[in-house]
Amino acid sequence: MFERYLSALQYTGNQPINIDDLKEFRSLVSWLEDQKIRHYTIENREDLKQIGSVDVWEAAYEKYKTDVGLPYELVTRQEQLTWLLLHAIRLEYSDNVDTYRPLSGAKKIEEQKKSNAPEVKSTNPFDSLDFTNAQFAEGARKLADRLGIAYHPDHLVSLRAAGRVIHDCLNKEALKEPLITGQPIAFGVENRSTAEQAHNGVERDLEKATQILRLLQIRNMRSMQTTINETIVAVQNVTADPKTDSALGKVGV
């Protein structure tokens, strides 16, 4: 019942405590006052140490309860001993506040996890990258720019977007698509049927705008394909190097 309190107070006597045994009860109360609470001076603690003398000890205990401030509502031995133990713990903490202040249950659990968890050394070279480095941020923005991704103030957002584009465009199905070949259509060249030439001025302007958009799309697709090819080569160079691929040799050697 009192094991946790006694452990906190570093009690080395017999446990568990049997409060129905008057000798054990008196002995523990005497120990608390003498070692932890220390409300009395050393000379005034003598009566509480007279465990074998019932009358002397009981009289001393009644006076002690009043002097130490034990609430009068607590009448059973269990209630009184619980209060004395908690009072002793409070005093122990106040005497060593600088020692106990940094400690908490959460911190203790965290320390236990760290001590129990095996230390794992990563062989992935990307784990050692500093993602907040200015050069890394600039490289991420340049990659996003080459992939046609809109500028974002957070380079990590741009990097995630670039990764998504590469993931979607470098899959097996995308790589099977043939490269776009042929010459681009020159601006201003009429390439319409006779029926189209009969359209009014507004329709002709709309058709020309459509052609321009198609040309721009073709140019963007070619630029995208070039960037993808360059990225494939760069990734292959990294994965084919024994220094960056643990499957090919010892990383970092």
C-alpha atoms as a PDB file:
ATOM      1  CA  MET A   1       0.000   0.000   0.000  1.00  0.00           C
ATOM      2  CA  PHE A   2       2.831   2.419   0.898  1.00  0.00           C
ATOM      3  CA  GLU A   3       5.571   0.875  -1.241  1.00  0.00           C
ATOM      4  CA  ARG A   4       5.845   3.746  -3.729  1.00  0.00           C
ATOM      5  CA  TYR A   5       6.050   6.372  -0.993  1.00  0.00           C
ATOM      6  CA  LEU A   6       8.647   4.390   0.922  1.00  0.00           C
ATOM      7  CA  SER A   7      10.655   3.831  -2.248  1.00  0.00           C
ATOM      8  CA  ALA A   8      10.649   7.570  -2.953  1.00  0.00           C
ATOM      9  CA  LEU A   9      11.968   8.158   0.560  1.00  0.00           C
ATOM     10  CA  GLN A  10      14.594   5.410   0.157  1.00  0.00           C
ATOM     11  CA  TYR A  11      13.264   3.468   3.134  1.00  0.00           C
ATOM     12  CA  THR A  12      15.345   0.356   3.779  1.00  0.00           C
ATOM     13  CA  GLY A  13      13.279  -1.268   6.532  1.00  0.00           C
ATOM     14  CA  ASN A  14      10.995  -4.277   6.282  1.00  0.00           C
ATOM     15  CA  GLN A  15       8.282  -4.127   3.637  1.00  0.00           C
ATOM     16  CA  PRO A  16       5.361  -4.299   3.214  1.00  0.00           C
ATOM     17  CA  ILE A  17       4.461  -2.344   6.319  1.00  0.00           C
ATOM     18  CA  ASN A  18       1.810  -3.871   8.542  1.00  0.00           C
ATOM     19  CA  ILE A  19       0.108  -0.884  10.168  1.00  0.00           C
ATOM     20  CA  ASP A  20      -1.881  -3.220  12.415  1.00  0.00           C
ATOM     21  CA  ASP A  21       1.397  -4.113  14.080  1.00  0.00           C
ATOM     22  CA  LEU A  22       1.909  -1.312  16.615  1.00  0.00           C
ATOM     23  CA  LYS A  23       5.649  -1.874  16.735  1.00  0.00           C
ATOM     24  CA  GLU A  24       6.034  -1.489  12.961  1.00  0.00           C
ATOM     25  CA  PHE A  25       3.759   1.548  12.903  1.00  0.00           C
ATOM     26  CA  ARG A  26       5.633   3.306  15.704  1.00  0.00           C
ATOM     27  CA  SER A  27       8.988   2.405  14.229  1.00  0.00           C
ATOM     28  CA  LEU A  28       8.074   3.920  10.860  1.00  0.00           C
ATOM     29  CA  VAL A  29       6.702   7.135  12.408  1.00  0.00           C
ATOM     30  CA  SER A  30       9.885   7.484  14.438  1.00  0.00           C
ATOM     31  CA  TRP A  31      12.011   6.921  11.324  1.00  0.00           C
ATOM     32  CA  LEU A  32      10.077   9.521   9.324  1.00  0.00           C
ATOM     33  CA  GLU A  33      10.600  12.205  11.979  1.00  0.00           C
ATOM     34  CA  ASP A  34      14.212  11.309  12.627  1.00  0.00           C
ATOM     35  CA  GLN A  35      15.357  10.960   8.988  1.00  0.00           C
ATOM     36  CA  LYS A  36      12.993  12.957   6.776  1.00  0.00           C
ATOM     37  CA  ILE A  37      10.606  15.355   8.488  1.00  0.00           C
ATOM     38  CA  ARG A  38      12.907  16.528  11.300  1.00  0.00           C
ATOM     39  CA  HIS A  39      10.325  18.846  12.822  1.00  0.00           C
ATOM     40  CA  TYR A  40      11.823  18.399  16.288  1.00  0.00           C
ATOM     41  CA  THR A  41      15.381  18.932  17.379  1.00  0.00           C
ATOM     42  CA  ILE A  42      17.401  15.785  18.001  1.00  0.00           C
ATOM     43  CA  GLU A  43      16.822  16.014  21.773  1.00  0.00           C
ATOM     44  CA  ASN A  44      13.040  16.352  21.426  1.00  0.00           C
ATOM     45  CA  ARG A  45      12.756  13.238  19.269  1.00  0.00           C
ATOM     46  CA  GLU A  46      13.678  10.883  22.096  1.00  0.00           C
ATOM     47  CA  ASP A  47      10.110  10.183  23.247  1.00  0.00           C
ATOM     48  CA  LEU A  48       9.087   9.083  19.728  1.00  0.00           C
ATOM     49  CA  LYS A  49      11.941   6.608  19.815  1.00  0.00           C
ATOM     50  CA  GLN A  50      10.528   4.908  22.932  1.00  0.00           C
ATOM     51  CA  ILE A  51       8.727   2.313  20.816  1.00  0.00           C
ATOM     52  CA  GLY A  52       8.564  -0.251  23.601  1.00  0.00           C
ATOM     53  CA  SER A  53       6.964   2.162  26.091  1.00  0.00           C
ATOM     54  CA  VAL A  54       3.304   2.424  25.131  1.00  0.00           C
ATOM     55  CA  ASP A  55       2.316   5.330  27.376  1.00  0.00           C
ATOM     56  CA  VAL A  56       5.369   7.441  26.587  1.00  0.00           C
ATOM     57  CA  TRP A  57       5.126   6.885  22.855  1.00  0.00           C
ATOM     58  CA  GLU A  58       1.362   7.454  22.603  1.00  0.00           C
ATOM     59  CA  ALA A  59       1.626  10.731  24.500  1.00  0.00           C
ATOM     60  CA  ALA A  60       4.530  11.839  22.350  1.00  0.00           C
ATOM     61  CA  TYR A  61       2.657  10.867  19.184  1.00  0.00           C
ATOM     62  CA  GLU A  62      -0.468  12.831  20.136  1.00  0.00           C
ATOM     63  CA  LYS A  63       1.662  15.921  20.718  1.00  0.00           C
ATOM     64  CA  TYR A  64       3.618  15.289  17.532  1.00  0.00           C
ATOM     65  CA  LYS A  65       0.476  15.165  15.378  1.00  0.00           C
ATOM     66  CA  THR A  66      -0.502  18.611  16.598  1.00  0.00           C
ATOM     67  CA  ASP A  67       2.974  20.088  16.267  1.00  0.00           C
ATOM     68  CA  VAL A  68       3.579  18.793  12.765  1.00  0.00           C
ATOM     69  CA  GLY A  69       0.151  19.987  11.552  1.00  0.00           C
ATOM     70  CA  LEU A  70      -1.504  16.645  10.869  1.00  0.00           C
ATOM     71  CA  PRO A  71      -5.214  17.352  10.110  1.00  0.00           C
ATOM     72  CA  TYR A  72      -7.461  16.292  12.961  1.00  0.00           C
ATOM     73  CA  GLU A  73      -9.962  14.782  10.491  1.00  0.00           C
ATOM     74  CA  LEU A  74      -7.525  11.933   9.827  1.00  0.00           C
ATOM     75  CA  VAL A  75      -8.261   9.397  12.530  1.00  0.00           C
ATOM     76  CA  THR A  76      -7.156   6.007  11.187  1.00  0.00           C
ATOM     77  CA  ARG A  77      -3.546   4.846  11.130  1.00  0.00           C
ATOM     78  CA  GLN A  78      -3.682   4.454   7.368  1.00  0.00           C
ATOM     79  CA  GLU A  79      -4.837   8.049   6.856  1.00  0.00           C
ATOM     80  CA  GLN A  80      -2.315   9.461   9.310  1.00  0.00           C
ATOM     81  CA  LEU A  81       0.597   7.455   7.917  1.00  0.00           C
ATOM     82  CA  THR A  82      -0.319   8.422   4.347  1.00  0.00           C
ATOM     83  CA  TRP A  83      -0.274  12.100   5.302  1.00  0.00           C
ATOM     84  CA  LEU A  84       3.063  11.773   7.102  1.00  0.00           C
ATOM     85  CA  LEU A  85       4.617   9.985   4.135  1.00  0.00           C
ATOM     86  CA  LEU A  86       3.415  12.614   1.658  1.00  0.00           C
ATOM     87  CA  HIS A  87       4.550  15.387   3.997  1.00  0.00           C
ATOM     88  CA  ALA A  88       7.994  13.783   4.163  1.00  0.00           C
ATOM     89  CA  ILE A  89       8.134  13.545   0.360  1.00  0.00           C
ATOM     90  CA  ARG A  90       7.240  17.229   0.005  1.00  0.00           C
ATOM     91  CA  LEU A  91      10.010  18.177   2.414  1.00  0.00           C
ATOM     92  CA  GLU A  92      12.455  15.895   0.629  1.00  0.00           C
ATOM     93  CA  TYR A  93      11.642  17.581  -2.679  1.00  0.00           C
ATOM     94  CA  SER A  94      11.963  21.102  -1.267  1.00  0.00           C
ATOM     95  CA  ASP A  95      15.369  20.224   0.203  1.00  0.00           C
ATOM     96  CA  ASN A  96      16.622  18.943  -3.169  1.00  0.00           C
ATOM     97  CA  VAL A  97      14.569  21.000  -5.614  1.00  0.00           C
ATOM     98  CA  ASP A  98      17.461  21.579  -8.031  1.00  0.00           C
ATOM     99  CA  THR A  99      18.030  17.841  -8.270  1.00  0.00           C
ATOM    100  CA  TYR A 100      14.412  16.804  -8.816  1.00  0.00           C
ATOM    101  CA  ARG A 101      13.168  19.729 -10.924  1.00  0.00           C
ATOM    102  CA  PRO A 102      14.540  18.496 -14.273  1.00  0.00           C
ATOM    103  CA  LEU A 103      13.042  15.055 -13.727  1.00  0.00           C
ATOM    104  CA  SER A 104       9.594  14.074 -14.904  1.00  0.00           C
ATOM    105  CA  GLY A 105       7.751  10.881 -15.689  1.00  0.00           C
ATOM    106  CA  ALA A 106       7.863  11.596 -19.425  1.00  0.00           C
ATOM    107  CA  LYS A 107      11.598  12.272 -19.354  1.00  0.00           C
ATOM    108  CA  LYS A 108      12.255   9.077 -17.423  1.00  0.00           C
ATOM    109  CA  ILE A 109      10.298   7.027 -19.956  1.00  0.00           C
ATOM    110  CA  GLU A 110      12.180   8.712 -22.798  1.00  0.00           C
ATOM    111  CA  GLU A 111      15.517   7.925 -21.187  1.00  0.00           C
ATOM    112  CA  GLN A 112      14.487   4.306 -20.705  1.00  0.00           C
ATOM    113  CA  LYS A 113      13.523   4.029 -24.362  1.00  0.00           C
ATOM    114  CA  LYS A 114      16.854   5.492 -25.425  1.00  0.00           C
ATOM    115  CA  SER A 115      18.775   3.096 -23.215  1.00  0.00           C
ATOM    116  CA  ASN A 116      16.787   0.079 -24.429  1.00  0.00           C
ATOM    117  CA  ALA A 117      16.724   0.972 -28.127  1.00  0.00           C
ATOM    118  CA  PRO A 118      19.654  -0.375 -30.164  1.00  0.00           C
ATOM    119  CA  GLU A 119      21.794   2.215 -31.894  1.00  0.00           C
ATOM    120  CA  VAL A 120      21.226   2.061 -35.645  1.00  0.00           C
ATOM    121  CA  LYS A 121      23.730   3.690 -37.966  1.00  0.00           C
ATOM    122  CA  SER A 122      22.227   4.674 -41.289  1.00  0.00           C
ATOM    123  CA  THR A 123      24.087   3.809 -44.485  1.00  0.00           C
ATOM    124  CA  ASN A 124      21.896   6.077 -46.606  1.00  0.00           C
ATOM    125  CA  PRO A 125      23.973   9.092 -47.726  1.00  0.00           C
ATOM    126  CA  PHE A 126      20.840  11.232 -47.990  1.00  0.00           C
ATOM    127  CA  ASP A 127      20.294  10.942 -44.221  1.00  0.00           C
ATOM    128  CA  SER A 128      23.305  13.167 -43.640  1.00  0.00           C
ATOM    129  CA  LEU A 129      22.029  15.997 -45.837  1.00  0.00           C
ATOM    130  CA  ASP A 130      21.270  19.347 -44.241  1.00  0.00           C
ATOM    131  CA  PHE A 131      17.902  20.302 -45.721  1.00  0.00           C
ATOM    132  CA  THR A 132      18.177  23.826 -44.307  1.00  0.00           C
ATOM    133  CA  ASN A 133      21.479  24.549 -46.038  1.00  0.00           C
ATOM    134  CA  ALA A 134      21.394  27.507 -48.454  1.00  0.00           C
ATOM    135  CA  GLN A 135      23.027  25.507 -51.263  1.00  0.00           C
ATOM    136  CA  PHE A 136      20.516  22.704 -50.837  1.00  0.00           C
ATOM    137  CA  ALA A 137      17.628  25.189 -50.939  1.00  0.00           C
ATOM    138  CA  GLU A 138      19.017  26.787 -54.102  1.00  0.00           C
ATOM    139  CA  GLY A 139      19.418  23.391 -55.745  1.00  0.00           C
ATOM    140  CA  ALA A 140      15.841  22.439 -54.869  1.00  0.00           C
ATOM    141  CA  ARG A 141      14.535  25.675 -56.411  1.00  0.00           C
ATOM    142  CA  LYS A 142      16.599  25.189 -59.574  1.00  0.00           C
ATOM    143  CA  LEU A 143      15.263  21.660 -59.955  1.00  0.00           C
ATOM    144  CA  ALA A 144      11.695  22.896 -59.526  1.00  0.00           C
ATOM    145  CA  ASP A 145      12.313  25.651 -62.076  1.00  0.00           C
ATOM    146  CA  ARG A 146      13.636  23.191 -64.643  1.00  0.00           C
ATOM    147  CA  LEU A 147      10.584  21.034 -64.142  1.00  0.00           C
ATOM    148  CA  GLY A 148       8.325  24.021 -64.737  1.00  0.00           C
ATOM    149  CA  ILE A 149       7.054  24.162 -61.151  1.00  0.00           C
ATOM    150  CA  ALA A 150       5.853  27.533 -59.902  1.00  0.00           C
ATOM    151  CA  TYR A 151       8.067  29.304 -57.371  1.00  0.00           C
ATOM    152  CA  HIS A 152       7.306  28.747 -53.687  1.00  0.00           C
ATOM    153  CA  PRO A 153       9.079  30.516 -50.797  1.00  0.00           C
ATOM    154  CA  ASP A 154       9.536  27.207 -48.969  1.00  0.00           C
ATOM    155  CA  HIS A 155      12.125  25.183 -50.884  1.00  0.00           C
ATOM    156  CA  LEU A 156      10.934  21.963 -49.235  1.00  0.00           C
ATOM    157  CA  VAL A 157       7.484  22.475 -50.757  1.00  0.00           C
ATOM    158  CA  SER A 158       9.109  22.979 -54.161  1.00  0.00           C
ATOM    159  CA  LEU A 159      11.191  19.848 -53.602  1.00  0.00           C
ATOM    160  CA  ARG A 160       8.118  17.779 -52.751  1.00  0.00           C
ATOM    161  CA  ALA A 161       6.402  19.061 -55.899  1.00  0.00           C
ATOM    162  CA  ALA A 162       9.480  18.167 -57.962  1.00  0.00           C
ATOM    163  CA  GLY A 163       9.502  14.706 -56.443  1.00  0.00           C
ATOM    164  CA  ARG A 164       5.846  14.269 -57.345  1.00  0.00           C
ATOM    165  CA  VAL A 165       6.492  15.303 -60.959  1.00  0.00           C
ATOM    166  CA  ILE A 166       9.476  12.956 -61.236  1.00  0.00           C
ATOM    167  CA  HIS A 167       7.489  10.119 -59.654  1.00  0.00           C
ATOM    168  CA  ASP A 168       4.582  10.591 -62.028  1.00  0.00           C
ATOM    169  CA  CYS A 169       6.673  11.143 -65.158  1.00  0.00           C
ATOM    170  CA  LEU A 170       9.381   8.561 -64.534  1.00  0.00           C
ATOM    171  CA  ASN A 171       7.138   5.568 -64.041  1.00  0.00           C
ATOM    172  CA  LYS A 172       7.326   2.677 -66.477  1.00  0.00           C
ATOM    173  CA  GLU A 173       4.250   3.706 -68.424  1.00  0.00           C
ATOM    174  CA  ALA A 174       5.482   7.268 -68.927  1.00  0.00           C
ATOM    175  CA  LEU A 175       8.898   6.101 -70.115  1.00  0.00           C
ATOM    176  CA  LYS A 176       7.247   3.929 -72.776  1.00  0.00           C
ATOM    177  CA  GLU A 177       5.795   7.009 -74.459  1.00  0.00           C
ATOM    178  CA  PRO A 178       7.793   7.916 -77.612  1.00  0.00           C
ATOM    179  CA  LEU A 179       9.611  11.222 -77.782  1.00  0.00           C
ATOM    180  CA  ILE A 180       7.894  13.989 -79.698  1.00  0.00           C
ATOM    181  CA  THR A 181       9.647  14.462 -83.039  1.00  0.00           C
ATOM    182  CA  GLY A 182       9.221  16.728 -86.041  1.00  0.00           C
ATOM    183  CA  GLN A 183       9.571  20.392 -86.771  1.00  0.00           C
ATOM    184  CA  PRO A 184       7.504  22.978 -84.934  1.00  0.00           C
ATOM    185  CA  ILE A 185       4.902  24.852 -86.889  1.00  0.00           C
ATOM    186  CA  ALA A 186       6.129  28.327 -87.793  1.00  0.00           C
ATOM    187  CA  PHE A 187       4.106  31.261 -86.533  1.00  0.00           C
ATOM    188  CA  GLY A 188       1.983  32.966 -89.156  1.00  0.00           C
ATOM    189  CA  VAL A 189       1.771  29.959 -91.482  1.00  0.00           C
ATOM    190  CA  GLU A 190      -1.729  29.262 -92.630  1.00  0.00           C
ATOM    191  CA  ASN A 191      -2.600  25.593 -92.220  1.00  0.00           C
ATOM    192  CA  ARG A 192      -6.310  25.606 -92.494  1.00  0.00           C
ATOM    193  CA  SER A 193      -8.839  24.056 -94.818  1.00  0.00           C
ATOM    194  CA  THR A 194     -10.971  25.980 -97.264  1.00  0.00           C
ATOM    195  CA  ALA A 195     -13.909  25.796 -94.896  1.00  0.00           C
ATOM    196  CA  GLU A 196     -11.826  27.248 -92.095  1.00  0.00           C
ATOM    197  CA  GLN A 197     -10.737  30.152 -94.295  1.00  0.00           C
ATOM    198  CA  ALA A 198     -14.363  31.086 -94.621  1.00  0.00           C
ATOM    199  CA  HIS A 199     -14.643  31.794 -90.913  1.00  0.00           C
ATOM    200  CA  ASN A 200     -15.068  35.373 -89.877  1.00  0.00           C
ATOM    201  CA  GLY A 201     -12.314  37.471 -88.263  1.00  0.00           C
ATOM    202  CA  VAL A 202     -13.158  36.485 -84.683  1.00  0.00           C
ATOM    203  CA  GLU A 203     -12.983  32.777 -85.469  1.00  0.00           C
ATOM    204  CA  ARG A 204      -9.651  33.247 -87.294  1.00  0.00           C
ATOM    205  CA  ASP A 205      -8.168  34.984 -84.270  1.00  0.00           C
ATOM    206  CA  LEU A 206      -9.449  32.187 -82.029  1.00  0.00           C
ATOM    207  CA  GLU A 207      -7.907  29.550 -84.281  1.00  0.00           C
ATOM    208  CA  LYS A 208      -4.561  31.358 -84.274  1.00  0.00           C
ATOM    209  CA  ALA A 209      -4.599  31.568 -80.480  1.00  0.00           C
ATOM    210  CA  THR A 210      -5.315  27.836 -80.315  1.00  0.00           C
ATOM    211  CA  GLN A 211      -2.320  27.100 -82.534  1.00  0.00           C
ATOM    212  CA  ILE A 212      -0.099  29.259 -80.369  1.00  0.00           C
ATOM    213  CA  LEU A 213      -1.185  27.380 -77.243  1.00  0.00           C
ATOM    214  CA  ARG A 214      -0.510  24.059 -78.942  1.00  0.00           C
ATOM    215  CA  LEU A 215       2.979  25.185 -79.927  1.00  0.00           C
ATOM    216  CA  LEU A 216       3.707  26.320 -76.402  1.00  0.00           C
ATOM    217  CA  GLN A 217       2.493  22.991 -75.061  1.00  0.00           C
ATOM    218  CA  ILE A 218       4.754  21.101 -77.462  1.00  0.00           C
ATOM    219  CA  ARG A 219       7.723  23.205 -76.399  1.00  0.00           C
ATOM    220  CA  ASN A 220       6.966  22.585 -72.721  1.00  0.00           C
ATOM    221  CA  MET A 221       6.632  18.843 -73.283  1.00  0.00           C
ATOM    222  CA  ARG A 222       9.998  18.724 -75.045  1.00  0.00           C
ATOM    223  CA  SER A 223      11.640  20.684 -72.259  1.00  0.00           C
ATOM    224  CA  MET A 224      10.041  18.379 -69.708  1.00  0.00           C
ATOM    225  CA  GLN A 225      11.264  15.279 -71.549  1.00  0.00           C
ATOM    226  CA  THR A 226      14.794  16.689 -71.660  1.00  0.00           C
ATOM    227  CA  THR A 227      14.756  17.379 -67.927  1.00  0.00           C
ATOM    228  CA  ILE A 228      13.432  13.888 -67.205  1.00  0.00           C
ATOM    229  CA  ASN A 229      16.189  12.299 -69.251  1.00  0.00           C
ATOM    230  CA  GLU A 230      18.835  14.349 -67.455  1.00  0.00           C
ATOM    231  CA  THR A 231      17.350  13.415 -64.083  1.00  0.00           C
ATOM    232  CA  ILE A 232      17.397   9.717 -64.982  1.00  0.00           C
ATOM    233  CA  VAL A 233      21.078   9.950 -65.862  1.00  0.00           C
ATOM    234  CA  ALA A 234      21.879  11.809 -62.626  1.00  0.00           C
ATOM    235  CA  VAL A 235      20.016   9.266 -60.476  1.00  0.00           C
ATOM    236  CA  GLN A 236      21.675   6.371 -62.266  1.00  0.00           C
ATOM    237  CA  ASN A 237      25.092   7.907 -61.594  1.00  0.00           C
ATOM    238  CA  VAL A 238      24.292   8.085 -57.880  1.00  0.00           C
ATOM    239  CA  THR A 239      22.879   4.567 -57.565  1.00  0.00           C
ATOM    240  CA  ALA A 240      25.700   3.044 -59.624  1.00  0.00           C
ATOM    241  CA  ASP A 241      28.366   4.458 -57.316  1.00  0.00           C
ATOM    242  CA  PRO A 242      29.477   1.995 -54.557  1.00  0.00           C
ATOM    243  CA  LYS A 243      29.979   4.978 -52.260  1.00  0.00           C
ATOM    244  CA  THR A 244      26.268   5.805 -52.357  1.00  0.00           C
ATOM    245  CA  ASP A 245      24.719   2.375 -52.788  1.00  0.00           C
ATOM    246  CA  SER A 246      25.190  -0.090 -49.926  1.00  0.00           C
ATOM    247  CA  ALA A 247      24.274  -2.971 -52.226  1.00  0.00           C
ATOM    248  CA  LEU A 248      27.378  -2.363 -54.352  1.00  0.00           C
ATOM    249  CA  GLY A 249      29.970  -1.837 -51.681  1.00  0.00           C
ATOM    250  CA  LYS A 250      30.787  -0.114 -48.420  1.00  0.00           C
ATOM    251  CA  VAL A 251      29.116   3.241 -48.176  1.00  0.00           C
ATOM    252  CA  GLY A 252      31.430   6.159 -47.525  1.00  0.00           C
ATOM    253  CA  VAL A 253      34.668   4.327 -48.384  1.00  0.00           C
END
